[in-house]
Amino acid sequence: QVQFVESGGGLVQPGGSLRLSCTASGGIFSFYHMGWYRQAPGKQRELVAAITTGGSANYADSVQDRFAISRDNAKNTVYLQMNSLKPEDTAIYYCNRHYQNSAYFSWGQGTQVTVSS
């Protein structure tokens, strides 16, 4: 079973930036398409960004042009650079293997992102 540890969240003012990291243990990270997901209070978890094994990225419309996903297979780590943050980006952020439009493994603990003045 693959396990994920997310980090890098925090409290940031609107317009600010954060860089999230997620490190995987177990499995063969380089074989997996990866995704960053988020869950806001009272809402369903949603996919915000995905990256293929080859490095191609896709984004939810709500974060397009503000967020950037990347990966370092040597470090078994996927990143999410978040710029121009908005209060509606407030959520717990998780990473997971993105497989057939769904998350594949069990969830990690996530990292809290709060955007507020």
N, C-alpha and C. Protein backbone atom coordinates (compact mmCIF):
# COMPACT_ATOMS: atom_id res chain seq x y z
N GLN A 1 0.85 -1.19 0.00
CA GLN A 1 0.00 0.00 0.00
C GLN A 1 0.88 1.23 0.00
N VAL A 2 0.51 2.19 -0.83
CA VAL A 2 1.25 3.44 -0.90
C VAL A 2 0.70 4.41 0.14
N GLN A 3 1.58 5.12 0.78
CA GLN A 3 1.18 6.14 1.75
C GLN A 3 1.68 7.50 1.30
N PHE A 4 0.89 8.53 1.60
CA PHE A 4 1.22 9.89 1.19
C PHE A 4 1.32 10.80 2.41
N VAL A 5 2.32 11.68 2.40
CA VAL A 5 2.46 12.68 3.44
C VAL A 5 2.50 14.05 2.78
N GLU A 6 1.46 14.84 3.05
CA GLU A 6 1.36 16.18 2.49
C GLU A 6 1.88 17.21 3.48
N SER A 7 2.45 18.28 2.96
CA SER A 7 2.97 19.36 3.80
C SER A 7 2.97 20.67 3.03
N GLY A 8 3.20 21.76 3.75
CA GLY A 8 3.35 23.05 3.11
C GLY A 8 2.16 23.98 3.25
N GLY A 9 1.08 23.50 3.83
CA GLY A 9 -0.09 24.36 4.00
C GLY A 9 0.14 25.41 5.08
N GLY A 10 -0.86 26.27 5.23
CA GLY A 10 -0.77 27.32 6.24
C GLY A 10 -1.80 28.38 6.01
N LEU A 11 -1.64 29.47 6.75
CA LEU A 11 -2.52 30.62 6.64
C LEU A 11 -1.84 31.66 5.75
N VAL A 12 -2.55 32.12 4.74
CA VAL A 12 -1.99 33.10 3.82
C VAL A 12 -3.06 34.12 3.47
N GLN A 13 -2.63 35.34 3.20
CA GLN A 13 -3.58 36.39 2.83
C GLN A 13 -4.00 36.22 1.36
N PRO A 14 -5.17 36.72 1.02
CA PRO A 14 -5.57 36.70 -0.40
C PRO A 14 -4.50 37.32 -1.28
N GLY A 15 -4.25 36.67 -2.42
CA GLY A 15 -3.21 37.12 -3.31
C GLY A 15 -1.85 36.51 -3.04
N GLY A 16 -1.72 35.81 -1.94
CA GLY A 16 -0.46 35.20 -1.58
C GLY A 16 -0.21 33.88 -2.27
N SER A 17 0.91 33.26 -1.90
CA SER A 17 1.33 32.00 -2.53
C SER A 17 1.72 30.97 -1.48
N LEU A 18 1.57 29.73 -1.86
CA LEU A 18 2.05 28.60 -1.07
C LEU A 18 2.53 27.52 -2.03
N ARG A 19 3.46 26.70 -1.53
CA ARG A 19 3.90 25.53 -2.30
C ARG A 19 3.69 24.29 -1.45
N LEU A 20 2.84 23.42 -1.92
CA LEU A 20 2.55 22.18 -1.22
C LEU A 20 3.45 21.07 -1.75
N SER A 21 3.78 20.14 -0.87
CA SER A 21 4.57 18.97 -1.24
C SER A 21 3.84 17.71 -0.78
N CYS A 22 4.02 16.66 -1.51
CA CYS A 22 3.45 15.36 -1.12
C CYS A 22 4.46 14.29 -1.48
N THR A 23 4.90 13.57 -0.48
CA THR A 23 5.87 12.51 -0.68
C THR A 23 5.20 11.16 -0.50
N ALA A 24 5.46 10.27 -1.43
CA ALA A 24 4.88 8.93 -1.40
C ALA A 24 5.90 7.91 -0.92
N SER A 25 5.42 6.93 -0.18
CA SER A 25 6.26 5.81 0.22
C SER A 25 5.56 4.52 -0.17
N GLY A 26 6.36 3.54 -0.61
CA GLY A 26 5.79 2.30 -1.11
C GLY A 26 5.39 2.46 -2.57
N GLY A 27 5.21 1.40 -3.27
CA GLY A 27 4.81 1.47 -4.65
C GLY A 27 5.92 1.98 -5.56
N ILE A 28 5.59 2.26 -6.79
CA ILE A 28 6.54 2.77 -7.77
C ILE A 28 6.00 4.10 -8.26
N PHE A 29 6.42 5.15 -7.61
CA PHE A 29 5.85 6.48 -7.83
C PHE A 29 5.90 6.88 -9.30
N SER A 30 6.99 6.61 -9.95
CA SER A 30 7.15 7.07 -11.33
C SER A 30 6.16 6.43 -12.30
N PHE A 31 5.51 5.36 -11.87
CA PHE A 31 4.53 4.68 -12.71
C PHE A 31 3.13 5.31 -12.61
N TYR A 32 2.96 6.22 -11.64
CA TYR A 32 1.61 6.71 -11.33
C TYR A 32 1.36 8.10 -11.89
N HIS A 33 0.22 8.28 -12.55
CA HIS A 33 -0.31 9.63 -12.72
C HIS A 33 -0.70 10.11 -11.32
N MET A 34 -0.48 11.36 -11.03
CA MET A 34 -0.75 11.88 -9.68
C MET A 34 -1.71 13.06 -9.74
N GLY A 35 -2.44 13.24 -8.65
CA GLY A 35 -3.37 14.35 -8.58
C GLY A 35 -3.32 15.04 -7.23
N TRP A 36 -3.62 16.32 -7.25
CA TRP A 36 -3.88 17.08 -6.02
C TRP A 36 -5.39 17.29 -5.94
N TYR A 37 -5.93 17.00 -4.78
CA TYR A 37 -7.35 17.13 -4.51
C TYR A 37 -7.52 18.08 -3.33
N ARG A 38 -8.71 18.61 -3.18
CA ARG A 38 -9.00 19.42 -2.01
C ARG A 38 -10.44 19.20 -1.55
N GLN A 39 -10.64 19.42 -0.27
CA GLN A 39 -11.97 19.32 0.32
C GLN A 39 -12.20 20.50 1.22
N ALA A 40 -13.16 21.31 0.84
CA ALA A 40 -13.55 22.46 1.65
C ALA A 40 -14.64 22.03 2.62
N PRO A 41 -14.81 22.76 3.72
CA PRO A 41 -15.85 22.40 4.69
C PRO A 41 -17.22 22.31 4.04
N GLY A 42 -17.90 21.18 4.27
CA GLY A 42 -19.25 21.01 3.75
C GLY A 42 -19.33 20.68 2.28
N LYS A 43 -18.17 20.46 1.64
CA LYS A 43 -18.16 20.17 0.22
C LYS A 43 -17.49 18.84 -0.05
N GLN A 44 -17.75 18.29 -1.23
CA GLN A 44 -17.10 17.06 -1.63
C GLN A 44 -15.65 17.32 -2.04
N ARG A 45 -14.85 16.30 -1.90
CA ARG A 45 -13.46 16.39 -2.35
C ARG A 45 -13.45 16.52 -3.87
N GLU A 46 -12.58 17.39 -4.37
CA GLU A 46 -12.51 17.62 -5.80
C GLU A 46 -11.06 17.58 -6.28
N LEU A 47 -10.89 17.21 -7.53
CA LEU A 47 -9.57 17.21 -8.15
C LEU A 47 -9.26 18.63 -8.62
N VAL A 48 -8.08 19.14 -8.26
CA VAL A 48 -7.73 20.48 -8.72
C VAL A 48 -6.63 20.46 -9.76
N ALA A 49 -5.77 19.45 -9.72
CA ALA A 49 -4.69 19.38 -10.70
C ALA A 49 -4.21 17.95 -10.81
N ALA A 50 -3.78 17.57 -12.00
CA ALA A 50 -3.26 16.22 -12.23
C ALA A 50 -2.04 16.29 -13.13
N ILE A 51 -1.15 15.34 -12.95
CA ILE A 51 0.06 15.29 -13.78
C ILE A 51 0.30 13.84 -14.17
N THR A 52 0.59 13.64 -15.44
CA THR A 52 0.82 12.29 -15.93
C THR A 52 2.24 11.83 -15.61
N THR A 53 2.49 10.57 -15.90
CA THR A 53 3.84 10.05 -15.70
C THR A 53 4.84 10.79 -16.58
N GLY A 54 4.37 11.30 -17.69
CA GLY A 54 5.25 12.03 -18.61
C GLY A 54 5.36 13.51 -18.33
N GLY A 55 4.62 13.98 -17.33
CA GLY A 55 4.73 15.38 -16.94
C GLY A 55 3.69 16.32 -17.51
N SER A 56 2.71 15.80 -18.23
CA SER A 56 1.64 16.64 -18.74
C SER A 56 0.66 16.95 -17.63
N ALA A 57 0.22 18.21 -17.58
CA ALA A 57 -0.63 18.66 -16.47
C ALA A 57 -2.00 19.11 -16.95
N ASN A 58 -2.98 18.93 -16.09
CA ASN A 58 -4.33 19.43 -16.32
C ASN A 58 -4.84 20.06 -15.03
N TYR A 59 -5.72 21.05 -15.18
CA TYR A 59 -6.19 21.80 -14.03
C TYR A 59 -7.70 21.99 -14.07
N ALA A 60 -8.28 22.09 -12.89
CA ALA A 60 -9.66 22.50 -12.79
C ALA A 60 -9.77 23.96 -13.24
N ASP A 61 -10.91 24.30 -13.80
CA ASP A 61 -11.09 25.67 -14.29
C ASP A 61 -10.86 26.70 -13.19
N SER A 62 -11.21 26.35 -11.97
CA SER A 62 -11.14 27.30 -10.86
C SER A 62 -9.71 27.67 -10.48
N VAL A 63 -8.74 26.85 -10.89
CA VAL A 63 -7.35 27.12 -10.50
C VAL A 63 -6.44 27.32 -11.71
N GLN A 64 -7.01 27.18 -12.90
CA GLN A 64 -6.23 27.37 -14.13
C GLN A 64 -5.51 28.71 -14.11
N ASP A 65 -4.27 28.71 -14.48
CA ASP A 65 -3.42 29.91 -14.57
C ASP A 65 -2.99 30.43 -13.20
N ARG A 66 -3.40 29.79 -12.12
CA ARG A 66 -2.94 30.20 -10.79
C ARG A 66 -2.12 29.12 -10.11
N PHE A 67 -2.45 27.87 -10.37
CA PHE A 67 -1.77 26.73 -9.73
C PHE A 67 -0.89 26.03 -10.77
N ALA A 68 0.19 25.40 -10.29
CA ALA A 68 1.05 24.61 -11.16
C ALA A 68 1.47 23.34 -10.44
N ILE A 69 1.22 22.22 -11.06
CA ILE A 69 1.60 20.93 -10.50
C ILE A 69 2.91 20.47 -11.16
N SER A 70 3.76 19.84 -10.37
CA SER A 70 5.01 19.30 -10.89
C SER A 70 5.37 18.07 -10.08
N ARG A 71 6.36 17.34 -10.55
CA ARG A 71 6.75 16.12 -9.85
C ARG A 71 8.26 15.93 -9.95
N ASP A 72 8.80 15.24 -8.94
CA ASP A 72 10.21 14.85 -8.93
C ASP A 72 10.23 13.36 -8.61
N ASN A 73 10.37 12.55 -9.63
CA ASN A 73 10.31 11.10 -9.42
C ASN A 73 11.46 10.58 -8.57
N ALA A 74 12.60 11.25 -8.63
CA ALA A 74 13.74 10.83 -7.82
C ALA A 74 13.45 10.99 -6.33
N LYS A 75 12.55 11.91 -6.00
CA LYS A 75 12.20 12.17 -4.60
C LYS A 75 10.82 11.62 -4.25
N ASN A 76 10.18 10.92 -5.18
CA ASN A 76 8.83 10.40 -4.95
C ASN A 76 7.89 11.49 -4.47
N THR A 77 8.02 12.67 -5.05
CA THR A 77 7.30 13.84 -4.55
C THR A 77 6.57 14.56 -5.67
N VAL A 78 5.36 14.99 -5.37
CA VAL A 78 4.59 15.84 -6.26
C VAL A 78 4.35 17.17 -5.55
N TYR A 79 4.39 18.25 -6.32
CA TYR A 79 4.27 19.60 -5.76
C TYR A 79 3.05 20.30 -6.34
N LEU A 80 2.56 21.29 -5.59
CA LEU A 80 1.52 22.17 -6.09
C LEU A 80 1.90 23.59 -5.71
N GLN A 81 2.29 24.36 -6.70
CA GLN A 81 2.57 25.78 -6.50
C GLN A 81 1.26 26.53 -6.67
N MET A 82 0.87 27.27 -5.64
CA MET A 82 -0.40 27.98 -5.65
C MET A 82 -0.13 29.47 -5.54
N ASN A 83 -0.53 30.20 -6.54
CA ASN A 83 -0.36 31.65 -6.59
C ASN A 83 -1.71 32.34 -6.63
N SER A 84 -1.70 33.63 -6.35
CA SER A 84 -2.93 34.43 -6.40
C SER A 84 -4.06 33.74 -5.64
N LEU A 85 -3.78 33.33 -4.45
CA LEU A 85 -4.75 32.56 -3.68
C LEU A 85 -5.96 33.39 -3.32
N LYS A 86 -7.09 32.71 -3.29
CA LYS A 86 -8.39 33.34 -3.00
C LYS A 86 -9.00 32.66 -1.77
N PRO A 87 -9.90 33.35 -1.07
CA PRO A 87 -10.55 32.71 0.08
C PRO A 87 -11.23 31.38 -0.29
N GLU A 88 -11.73 31.28 -1.49
CA GLU A 88 -12.40 30.04 -1.90
C GLU A 88 -11.44 28.88 -2.13
N ASP A 89 -10.15 29.14 -2.07
CA ASP A 89 -9.16 28.06 -2.14
C ASP A 89 -8.95 27.40 -0.77
N THR A 90 -9.56 27.95 0.26
CA THR A 90 -9.44 27.38 1.59
C THR A 90 -9.99 25.96 1.62
N ALA A 91 -9.17 25.02 2.04
CA ALA A 91 -9.55 23.60 2.04
C ALA A 91 -8.40 22.79 2.63
N ILE A 92 -8.67 21.52 2.84
CA ILE A 92 -7.60 20.56 3.11
C ILE A 92 -7.18 19.98 1.76
N TYR A 93 -5.88 19.98 1.52
CA TYR A 93 -5.35 19.51 0.24
C TYR A 93 -4.69 18.15 0.43
N TYR A 94 -4.99 17.27 -0.50
CA TYR A 94 -4.48 15.90 -0.48
C TYR A 94 -3.87 15.56 -1.85
N CYS A 95 -2.95 14.62 -1.83
CA CYS A 95 -2.49 14.06 -3.10
C CYS A 95 -2.85 12.58 -3.13
N ASN A 96 -2.88 12.04 -4.32
CA ASN A 96 -3.17 10.62 -4.48
C ASN A 96 -2.81 10.21 -5.91
N ARG A 97 -2.68 8.95 -6.12
CA ARG A 97 -2.56 8.44 -7.47
C ARG A 97 -3.88 8.72 -8.20
N HIS A 98 -3.78 9.29 -9.39
CA HIS A 98 -4.97 9.61 -10.17
C HIS A 98 -5.13 8.52 -11.22
N TYR A 99 -6.14 7.71 -11.06
CA TYR A 99 -6.32 6.52 -11.89
C TYR A 99 -7.76 6.45 -12.36
N GLN A 100 -7.96 6.46 -13.64
CA GLN A 100 -9.30 6.39 -14.24
C GLN A 100 -10.23 7.41 -13.59
N ASN A 101 -9.74 8.64 -13.52
CA ASN A 101 -10.51 9.78 -13.02
C ASN A 101 -10.91 9.66 -11.55
N SER A 102 -10.20 8.85 -10.81
CA SER A 102 -10.47 8.71 -9.39
C SER A 102 -9.17 8.60 -8.61
N ALA A 103 -9.26 8.82 -7.32
CA ALA A 103 -8.13 8.55 -6.45
C ALA A 103 -8.06 7.05 -6.19
N TYR A 104 -6.83 6.56 -6.13
CA TYR A 104 -6.66 5.10 -6.11
C TYR A 104 -6.35 4.53 -4.74
N PHE A 105 -5.46 5.19 -4.01
CA PHE A 105 -5.02 4.68 -2.71
C PHE A 105 -5.76 5.37 -1.57
N SER A 106 -5.49 4.91 -0.36
CA SER A 106 -6.07 5.55 0.82
C SER A 106 -5.50 6.97 0.95
N TRP A 107 -6.28 7.82 1.58
CA TRP A 107 -5.87 9.21 1.73
C TRP A 107 -4.87 9.38 2.87
N GLY A 108 -3.99 10.36 2.68
CA GLY A 108 -3.13 10.78 3.77
C GLY A 108 -3.87 11.74 4.68
N GLN A 109 -3.11 12.43 5.52
CA GLN A 109 -3.76 13.34 6.48
C GLN A 109 -4.08 14.68 5.85
N GLY A 110 -3.51 14.97 4.71
CA GLY A 110 -3.75 16.24 4.05
C GLY A 110 -3.00 17.39 4.71
N THR A 111 -3.08 18.55 4.07
CA THR A 111 -2.49 19.76 4.63
C THR A 111 -3.48 20.89 4.48
N GLN A 112 -3.69 21.63 5.56
CA GLN A 112 -4.71 22.68 5.59
C GLN A 112 -4.18 23.94 4.95
N VAL A 113 -4.96 24.48 4.03
CA VAL A 113 -4.68 25.79 3.43
C VAL A 113 -5.83 26.71 3.79
N THR A 114 -5.49 27.83 4.41
CA THR A 114 -6.49 28.82 4.78
C THR A 114 -6.09 30.15 4.17
N VAL A 115 -7.00 30.71 3.38
CA VAL A 115 -6.75 32.00 2.72
C VAL A 115 -7.70 33.02 3.35
N SER A 116 -7.12 33.93 4.10
CA SER A 116 -7.93 34.88 4.84
C SER A 116 -7.10 36.10 5.20
N SER A 117 -7.78 37.25 5.23
CA SER A 117 -7.11 38.47 5.65
C SER A 117 -7.30 38.70 7.15
